[in-house]
PDB file of N, CA and C in Angstrom:
ATOM      1  N   MET A   1      -7.667   1.114 -30.484  1.00  0.00           N
ATOM      2  CA  MET A   1      -8.271   2.422 -29.736  1.00  0.00           C
ATOM      3  C   MET A   1      -9.085   1.589 -28.574  1.00  0.00           C
ATOM      4  N   GLY A   2      -9.684   0.571 -28.582  1.00  0.00           N
ATOM      5  CA  GLY A   2     -10.477  -0.128 -27.563  1.00  0.00           C
ATOM      6  C   GLY A   2      -9.743  -0.411 -26.384  1.00  0.00           C
ATOM      7  N   ALA A   3      -8.584  -1.021 -26.574  1.00  0.00           N
ATOM      8  CA  ALA A   3      -7.741  -1.070 -25.417  1.00  0.00           C
ATOM      9  C   ALA A   3      -7.276   0.108 -24.579  1.00  0.00           C
ATOM     10  N   ARG A   4      -7.107   1.150 -25.221  1.00  0.00           N
ATOM     11  CA  ARG A   4      -6.696   2.288 -24.758  1.00  0.00           C
ATOM     12  C   ARG A   4      -7.853   2.922 -23.797  1.00  0.00           C
ATOM     13  N   ALA A   5      -9.398   2.652 -24.697  1.00  0.00           N
ATOM     14  CA  ALA A   5     -10.375   3.022 -23.733  1.00  0.00           C
ATOM     15  C   ALA A   5     -10.547   2.408 -22.331  1.00  0.00           C
ATOM     16  N   VAL A   6     -10.081   0.984 -22.440  1.00  0.00           N
ATOM     17  CA  VAL A   6     -10.275   0.172 -21.288  1.00  0.00           C
ATOM     18  C   VAL A   6      -9.262   0.446 -20.207  1.00  0.00           C
ATOM     19  N   GLU A   7      -8.003   0.807 -20.743  1.00  0.00           N
ATOM     20  CA  GLU A   7      -7.110   1.231 -19.656  1.00  0.00           C
ATOM     21  C   GLU A   7      -7.546   2.686 -18.966  1.00  0.00           C
ATOM     22  N   ILE A   8      -7.998   3.533 -19.761  1.00  0.00           N
ATOM     23  CA  ILE A   8      -8.306   4.723 -19.369  1.00  0.00           C
ATOM     24  C   ILE A   8      -9.468   4.538 -18.223  1.00  0.00           C
ATOM     25  N   ALA A   9     -10.500   3.732 -18.649  1.00  0.00           N
ATOM     26  CA  ALA A   9     -11.592   3.611 -17.724  1.00  0.00           C
ATOM     27  C   ALA A   9     -11.031   2.962 -16.424  1.00  0.00           C
ATOM     28  N   ALA A  10     -10.039   1.977 -16.577  1.00  0.00           N
ATOM     29  CA  ALA A  10      -9.733   1.227 -15.175  1.00  0.00           C
ATOM     30  C   ALA A  10      -8.888   2.199 -14.233  1.00  0.00           C
ATOM     31  N   VAL A  11      -7.978   3.281 -14.910  1.00  0.00           N
ATOM     32  CA  VAL A  11      -7.420   4.137 -14.143  1.00  0.00           C
ATOM     33  C   VAL A  11      -8.529   5.113 -13.637  1.00  0.00           C
ATOM     34  N   VAL A  12      -9.638   5.501 -14.224  1.00  0.00           N
ATOM     35  CA  VAL A  12     -10.559   6.508 -13.519  1.00  0.00           C
ATOM     36  C   VAL A  12     -11.123   5.697 -12.431  1.00  0.00           C
ATOM     37  N   VAL A  13     -11.645   4.313 -12.647  1.00  0.00           N
ATOM     38  CA  VAL A  13     -12.279   3.690 -11.690  1.00  0.00           C
ATOM     39  C   VAL A  13     -11.544   3.630 -10.283  1.00  0.00           C
ATOM     40  N   VAL A  14     -10.017   3.195 -10.497  1.00  0.00           N
ATOM     41  CA  VAL A  14      -9.175   3.170  -9.371  1.00  0.00           C
ATOM     42  C   VAL A  14      -9.136   4.524  -8.596  1.00  0.00           C
ATOM     43  N   ALA A  15      -9.130   5.582  -9.573  1.00  0.00           N
ATOM     44  CA  ALA A  15      -8.923   6.945  -8.969  1.00  0.00           C
ATOM     45  C   ALA A  15     -10.320   7.437  -8.210  1.00  0.00           C
ATOM     46  N   LEU A  16     -11.207   7.075  -8.599  1.00  0.00           N
ATOM     47  CA  LEU A  16     -12.640   7.458  -7.799  1.00  0.00           C
ATOM     48  C   LEU A  16     -12.580   6.481  -6.564  1.00  0.00           C
ATOM     49  N   PHE A  17     -12.124   5.269  -6.637  1.00  0.00           N
ATOM     50  CA  PHE A  17     -12.280   4.528  -5.451  1.00  0.00           C
ATOM     51  C   PHE A  17     -11.438   5.193  -4.296  1.00  0.00           C
ATOM     52  N   LEU A  18     -10.144   5.313  -4.898  1.00  0.00           N
ATOM     53  CA  LEU A  18      -9.272   5.983  -4.084  1.00  0.00           C
ATOM     54  C   LEU A  18      -9.668   7.227  -3.231  1.00  0.00           C
ATOM     55  N   ILE A  19     -10.384   8.130  -4.052  1.00  0.00           N
ATOM     56  CA  ILE A  19     -10.880   9.476  -3.577  1.00  0.00           C
ATOM     57  C   ILE A  19     -11.812   9.050  -2.733  1.00  0.00           C
ATOM     58  N   LEU A  20     -12.887   8.333  -2.674  1.00  0.00           N
ATOM     59  CA  LEU A  20     -13.893   7.841  -1.935  1.00  0.00           C
ATOM     60  C   LEU A  20     -13.534   7.461  -0.767  1.00  0.00           C
ATOM     61  N   ALA A  21     -12.546   6.306  -0.747  1.00  0.00           N
ATOM     62  CA  ALA A  21     -11.813   5.609   0.336  1.00  0.00           C
ATOM     63  C   ALA A  21     -11.047   6.593   1.197  1.00  0.00           C
ATOM     64  N   LEU A  22     -10.317   7.229   0.850  1.00  0.00           N
ATOM     65  CA  LEU A  22      -9.377   8.227   1.544  1.00  0.00           C
ATOM     66  C   LEU A  22      -9.946   9.324   2.140  1.00  0.00           C
ATOM     67  N   GLY A  23     -11.138   9.821   1.421  1.00  0.00           N
ATOM     68  CA  GLY A  23     -11.886  11.028   1.678  1.00  0.00           C
ATOM     69  C   GLY A  23     -12.387  10.850   3.314  1.00  0.00           C
ATOM     70  N   GLY A  24     -12.761  12.105   3.729  1.00  0.00           N
ATOM     71  CA  GLY A  24     -13.481  12.282   5.081  1.00  0.00           C
ATOM     72  C   GLY A  24     -12.405  12.544   6.294  1.00  0.00           C
ATOM     73  N   GLU A  25     -13.012  12.446   7.487  1.00  0.00           N
ATOM     74  CA  GLU A  25     -12.081  12.811   8.649  1.00  0.00           C
ATOM     75  C   GLU A  25     -11.523  11.659   9.034  1.00  0.00           C
ATOM     76  N   HIS A  26     -10.019  11.770   9.690  1.00  0.00           N
ATOM     77  CA  HIS A  26      -9.103  10.756  10.158  1.00  0.00           C
ATOM     78  C   HIS A  26      -8.884  11.202  11.604  1.00  0.00           C
ATOM     79  N   PRO A  27      -9.308  10.526  12.553  1.00  0.00           N
ATOM     80  CA  PRO A  27      -8.977  10.982  13.843  1.00  0.00           C
ATOM     81  C   PRO A  27      -7.297  10.809  14.122  1.00  0.00           C
ATOM     82  N   GLU A  28      -6.787  11.903  14.792  1.00  0.00           N
ATOM     83  CA  GLU A  28      -5.489  11.917  15.021  1.00  0.00           C
ATOM     84  C   GLU A  28      -5.080  10.832  16.116  1.00  0.00           C
ATOM     85  N   GLU A  29      -6.032  10.547  17.211  1.00  0.00           N
ATOM     86  CA  GLU A  29      -5.707   9.406  18.381  1.00  0.00           C
ATOM     87  C   GLU A  29      -6.731   8.464  18.203  1.00  0.00           C
ATOM     88  N   THR A  30      -6.236   7.177  18.086  1.00  0.00           N
ATOM     89  CA  THR A  30      -7.058   6.145  18.359  1.00  0.00           C
ATOM     90  C   THR A  30      -6.536   5.261  19.275  1.00  0.00           C
ATOM     91  N   PRO A  31      -7.294   4.291  19.835  1.00  0.00           N
ATOM     92  CA  PRO A  31      -6.754   3.304  20.796  1.00  0.00           C
ATOM     93  C   PRO A  31      -5.571   2.566  20.202  1.00  0.00           C
ATOM     94  N   VAL A  32      -5.570   2.136  19.055  1.00  0.00           N
ATOM     95  CA  VAL A  32      -4.494   1.316  18.558  1.00  0.00           C
ATOM     96  C   VAL A  32      -3.229   1.984  18.302  1.00  0.00           C
ATOM     97  N   ARG A  33      -3.346   3.514  17.830  1.00  0.00           N
ATOM     98  CA  ARG A  33      -2.261   4.334  17.478  1.00  0.00           C
ATOM     99  C   ARG A  33      -1.637   4.620  19.179  1.00  0.00           C
ATOM    100  N   ALA A  34      -2.375   4.694  20.182  1.00  0.00           N
ATOM    101  CA  ALA A  34      -1.725   4.869  21.371  1.00  0.00           C
ATOM    102  C   ALA A  34      -1.026   3.782  21.835  1.00  0.00           C
ATOM    103  N   TYR A  35      -1.679   2.559  21.609  1.00  0.00           N
ATOM    104  CA  TYR A  35      -1.027   1.353  22.140  1.00  0.00           C
ATOM    105  C   TYR A  35       0.340   1.216  21.388  1.00  0.00           C
ATOM    106  N   VAL A  36       0.446   1.302  20.215  1.00  0.00           N
ATOM    107  CA  VAL A  36       1.748   1.083  19.416  1.00  0.00           C
ATOM    108  C   VAL A  36       2.715   2.200  19.821  1.00  0.00           C
ATOM    109  N   VAL A  37       2.262   3.440  19.907  1.00  0.00           N
ATOM    110  CA  VAL A  37       3.201   4.525  20.438  1.00  0.00           C
ATOM    111  C   VAL A  37       3.843   4.106  21.757  1.00  0.00           C
ATOM    112  N   GLU A  38       2.929   3.547  22.659  1.00  0.00           N
ATOM    113  CA  GLU A  38       3.325   3.313  23.934  1.00  0.00           C
ATOM    114  C   GLU A  38       4.200   1.962  24.131  1.00  0.00           C
ATOM    115  N   HIS A  39       3.736   0.874  23.292  1.00  0.00           N
ATOM    116  CA  HIS A  39       4.333  -0.471  23.593  1.00  0.00           C
ATOM    117  C   HIS A  39       5.209  -0.772  22.303  1.00  0.00           C
ATOM    118  N   GLY A  40       5.204  -0.269  21.266  1.00  0.00           N
ATOM    119  CA  GLY A  40       5.869  -0.221  19.759  1.00  0.00           C
ATOM    120  C   GLY A  40       7.352  -0.877  19.933  1.00  0.00           C
ATOM    121  N   LEU A  41       8.129   0.121  20.708  1.00  0.00           N
ATOM    122  CA  LEU A  41       9.621  -0.308  20.569  1.00  0.00           C
ATOM    123  C   LEU A  41       9.958  -1.341  21.780  1.00  0.00           C
ATOM    124  N   GLU A  42       9.427  -1.586  22.811  1.00  0.00           N
ATOM    125  CA  GLU A  42       9.497  -2.490  23.716  1.00  0.00           C
ATOM    126  C   GLU A  42       9.103  -4.115  23.093  1.00  0.00           C
ATOM    127  N   GLN A  43       8.089  -3.935  22.550  1.00  0.00           N
ATOM    128  CA  GLN A  43       7.653  -5.365  21.944  1.00  0.00           C
ATOM    129  C   GLN A  43       8.370  -5.798  20.743  1.00  0.00           C
ATOM    130  N   THR A  44       8.900  -5.049  19.947  1.00  0.00           N
ATOM    131  CA  THR A  44       9.665  -5.339  18.560  1.00  0.00           C
ATOM    132  C   THR A  44      10.802  -5.264  18.953  1.00  0.00           C
ATOM    133  N   GLY A  45      11.482  -4.743  19.765  1.00  0.00           N
ATOM    134  CA  GLY A  45      12.935  -4.478  19.907  1.00  0.00           C
ATOM    135  C   GLY A  45      13.694  -3.636  18.583  1.00  0.00           C
ATOM    136  N   ALA A  46      12.881  -2.806  18.014  1.00  0.00           N
ATOM    137  CA  ALA A  46      13.460  -2.050  16.854  1.00  0.00           C
ATOM    138  C   ALA A  46      14.178  -0.796  17.492  1.00  0.00           C
ATOM    139  N   ALA A  47      14.812  -0.185  16.447  1.00  0.00           N
ATOM    140  CA  ALA A  47      15.432   0.998  16.906  1.00  0.00           C
ATOM    141  C   ALA A  47      14.510   2.262  16.905  1.00  0.00           C
ATOM    142  N   ASN A  48      13.551   2.376  16.143  1.00  0.00           N
ATOM    143  CA  ASN A  48      12.718   3.476  16.085  1.00  0.00           C
ATOM    144  C   ASN A  48      11.265   2.991  15.909  1.00  0.00           C
ATOM    145  N   LEU A  49      10.403   3.727  16.252  1.00  0.00           N
ATOM    146  CA  LEU A  49       8.991   3.423  16.064  1.00  0.00           C
ATOM    147  C   LEU A  49       8.604   3.129  14.754  1.00  0.00           C
ATOM    148  N   VAL A  50       8.872   3.824  13.496  1.00  0.00           N
ATOM    149  CA  VAL A  50       8.557   3.599  12.134  1.00  0.00           C
ATOM    150  C   VAL A  50       9.206   2.115  11.872  1.00  0.00           C
ATOM    151  N   THR A  51      10.170   1.751  12.264  1.00  0.00           N
ATOM    152  CA  THR A  51      10.817   0.369  11.884  1.00  0.00           C
ATOM    153  C   THR A  51      10.056  -0.552  12.619  1.00  0.00           C
ATOM    154  N   SER A  52       9.705  -0.409  13.885  1.00  0.00           N
ATOM    155  CA  SER A  52       8.836  -1.426  14.750  1.00  0.00           C
ATOM    156  C   SER A  52       7.462  -1.528  13.997  1.00  0.00           C
ATOM    157  N   ILE A  53       6.893  -0.528  13.700  1.00  0.00           N
ATOM    158  CA  ILE A  53       5.434  -0.696  12.844  1.00  0.00           C
ATOM    159  C   ILE A  53       5.677  -1.417  11.604  1.00  0.00           C
ATOM    160  N   TYR A  54       6.771  -0.985  10.747  1.00  0.00           N
ATOM    161  CA  TYR A  54       6.886  -1.351   9.252  1.00  0.00           C
ATOM    162  C   TYR A  54       7.459  -2.879   9.406  1.00  0.00           C
ATOM    163  N   LEU A  55       8.449  -3.295  10.131  1.00  0.00           N
ATOM    164  CA  LEU A  55       9.064  -4.436  10.377  1.00  0.00           C
ATOM    165  C   LEU A  55       8.444  -5.334  11.373  1.00  0.00           C
ATOM    166  N   GLY A  56       7.984  -4.896  12.473  1.00  0.00           N
ATOM    167  CA  GLY A  56       7.562  -5.817  13.382  1.00  0.00           C
ATOM    168  C   GLY A  56       5.999  -6.258  13.548  1.00  0.00           C
ATOM    169  N   TYR A  57       5.058  -4.955  13.320  1.00  0.00           N
ATOM    170  CA  TYR A  57       3.671  -5.331  13.350  1.00  0.00           C
ATOM    171  C   TYR A  57       3.268  -5.523  11.911  1.00  0.00           C
ATOM    172  N   ARG A  58       3.870  -5.027  10.815  1.00  0.00           N
ATOM    173  CA  ARG A  58       2.977  -5.414   9.433  1.00  0.00           C
ATOM    174  C   ARG A  58       4.178  -6.105   8.579  1.00  0.00           C
ATOM    175  N   ALA A  59       5.078  -6.929   9.161  1.00  0.00           N
ATOM    176  CA  ALA A  59       5.939  -7.685   8.248  1.00  0.00           C
ATOM    177  C   ALA A  59       5.313  -8.763   7.115  1.00  0.00           C
ATOM    178  N   PHE A  60       4.331  -9.278   7.492  1.00  0.00           N
ATOM    179  CA  PHE A  60       3.604  -9.935   6.547  1.00  0.00           C
ATOM    180  C   PHE A  60       2.855  -9.142   5.375  1.00  0.00           C
ATOM    181  N   ASP A  61       2.077  -8.185   6.071  1.00  0.00           N
ATOM    182  CA  ASP A  61       1.582  -7.333   4.888  1.00  0.00           C
ATOM    183  C   ASP A  61       2.557  -6.536   3.997  1.00  0.00           C
ATOM    184  N   THR A  62       3.624  -6.341   4.621  1.00  0.00           N
ATOM    185  CA  THR A  62       4.740  -5.689   3.759  1.00  0.00           C
ATOM    186  C   THR A  62       5.126  -6.604   2.652  1.00  0.00           C
ATOM    187  N   LEU A  63       5.400  -7.808   3.272  1.00  0.00           N
ATOM    188  CA  LEU A  63       5.922  -8.982   2.399  1.00  0.00           C
ATOM    189  C   LEU A  63       4.948  -8.987   1.016  1.00  0.00           C
ATOM    190  N   GLY A  64       3.486  -9.215   1.470  1.00  0.00           N
ATOM    191  CA  GLY A  64       2.447  -9.205   0.451  1.00  0.00           C
ATOM    192  C   GLY A  64       2.427  -8.094  -0.651  1.00  0.00           C
ATOM    193  N   GLU A  65       2.719  -6.666  -0.049  1.00  0.00           N
ATOM    194  CA  GLU A  65       2.694  -5.578  -0.930  1.00  0.00           C
ATOM    195  C   GLU A  65       4.062  -5.722  -1.764  1.00  0.00           C
ATOM    196  N   THR A  66       5.029  -6.017  -1.253  1.00  0.00           N
ATOM    197  CA  THR A  66       6.141  -6.386  -2.070  1.00  0.00           C
ATOM    198  C   THR A  66       5.914  -7.243  -3.143  1.00  0.00           C
ATOM    199  N   ILE A  67       5.402  -8.434  -2.983  1.00  0.00           N
ATOM    200  CA  ILE A  67       5.014  -9.427  -4.014  1.00  0.00           C
ATOM    201  C   ILE A  67       4.069  -8.777  -5.097  1.00  0.00           C
ATOM    202  N   VAL A  68       3.207  -8.058  -4.527  1.00  0.00           N
ATOM    203  CA  VAL A  68       2.091  -7.452  -5.637  1.00  0.00           C
ATOM    204  C   VAL A  68       2.928  -6.400  -6.324  1.00  0.00           C
ATOM    205  N   LEU A  69       3.668  -5.556  -5.803  1.00  0.00           N
ATOM    206  CA  LEU A  69       4.567  -4.627  -6.609  1.00  0.00           C
ATOM    207  C   LEU A  69       5.391  -5.266  -7.428  1.00  0.00           C
ATOM    208  N   LEU A  70       6.131  -6.374  -7.231  1.00  0.00           N
ATOM    209  CA  LEU A  70       7.009  -7.069  -8.096  1.00  0.00           C
ATOM    210  C   LEU A  70       6.130  -7.622  -9.214  1.00  0.00           C
ATOM    211  N   LEU A  71       4.860  -8.295  -9.029  1.00  0.00           N
ATOM    212  CA  LEU A  71       3.966  -8.696 -10.211  1.00  0.00           C
ATOM    213  C   LEU A  71       3.517  -7.603 -11.041  1.00  0.00           C
ATOM    214  N   ALA A  72       3.292  -6.491 -10.433  1.00  0.00           N
ATOM    215  CA  ALA A  72       2.771  -5.404 -11.141  1.00  0.00           C
ATOM    216  C   ALA A  72       3.976  -4.800 -12.053  1.00  0.00           C
ATOM    217  N   VAL A  73       5.148  -4.463 -11.679  1.00  0.00           N
ATOM    218  CA  VAL A  73       6.175  -4.302 -12.440  1.00  0.00           C
ATOM    219  C   VAL A  73       6.681  -5.193 -13.671  1.00  0.00           C
ATOM    220  N   SER A  74       6.536  -6.646 -13.119  1.00  0.00           N
ATOM    221  CA  SER A  74       6.837  -7.610 -14.166  1.00  0.00           C
ATOM    222  C   SER A  74       5.822  -7.540 -15.345  1.00  0.00           C
ATOM    223  N   GLY A  75       4.456  -7.374 -14.935  1.00  0.00           N
ATOM    224  CA  GLY A  75       3.312  -7.196 -15.970  1.00  0.00           C
ATOM    225  C   GLY A  75       3.624  -6.089 -17.030  1.00  0.00           C
ATOM    226  N   VAL A  76       4.020  -4.968 -16.311  1.00  0.00           N
ATOM    227  CA  VAL A  76       4.157  -3.526 -17.148  1.00  0.00           C
ATOM    228  C   VAL A  76       5.450  -3.910 -17.992  1.00  0.00           C
ATOM    229  N   ILE A  77       6.502  -4.639 -17.685  1.00  0.00           N
ATOM    230  CA  ILE A  77       7.577  -4.906 -18.569  1.00  0.00           C
ATOM    231  C   ILE A  77       7.205  -5.717 -19.625  1.00  0.00           C
ATOM    232  N   LEU A  78       6.368  -6.714 -19.331  1.00  0.00           N
ATOM    233  CA  LEU A  78       5.911  -7.900 -20.391  1.00  0.00           C
ATOM    234  C   LEU A  78       5.033  -6.937 -21.333  1.00  0.00           C
ATOM    235  N   LEU A  79       4.305  -6.076 -21.036  1.00  0.00           N
ATOM    236  CA  LEU A  79       3.382  -5.327 -21.754  1.00  0.00           C
ATOM    237  C   LEU A  79       4.041  -4.439 -22.794  1.00  0.00           C
ATOM    238  N   VAL A  80       5.153  -3.706 -22.220  1.00  0.00           N
ATOM    239  CA  VAL A  80       5.940  -3.002 -22.960  1.00  0.00           C
ATOM    240  C   VAL A  80       6.867  -3.620 -24.008  1.00  0.00           C
ATOM    241  N   GLU A  81       7.341  -4.930 -23.591  1.00  0.00           N
ATOM    242  CA  GLU A  81       8.271  -5.597 -24.509  1.00  0.00           C
ATOM    243  C   GLU A  81       7.370  -6.200 -25.386  1.00  0.00           C
ATOM    244  N   HIS A  82       6.197  -6.512 -25.314  1.00  0.00           N
ATOM    245  CA  HIS A  82       5.158  -7.242 -26.214  1.00  0.00           C
ATOM    246  C   HIS A  82       4.670  -6.147 -27.225  1.00  0.00           C
ATOM    247  N   ARG A  83       4.523  -4.880 -26.807  1.00  0.00           N
ATOM    248  CA  ARG A  83       4.076  -3.889 -27.895  1.00  0.00           C
ATOM    249  C   ARG A  83       5.236  -3.487 -28.813  1.00  0.00           C
ATOM    250  N   GLN A  84       6.446  -3.822 -28.497  1.00  0.00           N
ATOM    251  CA  GLN A  84       7.596  -3.198 -29.162  1.00  0.00           C
ATOM    252  C   GLN A  84       7.589  -4.288 -30.306  1.00  0.00           C
TER     253      GLN A  84
END
């Protein structure tokens, strides 16, 4: 029962952090957004703006996110197999 309480507490802490971090006003127009919209396609050579941002400007960040996702899924699989 103690492990379940720790899991629930961790989920609640993450949820509260996300609510506080993502709350508030977000301006629609920023200098970075204007720059990317204006120069994104020509600087990256991508077919569309979403691809230019995802693979051109954020390639290393995307790689890091992929590695974190892979580790998280591997951890869940390991925990599920361990409990059975």
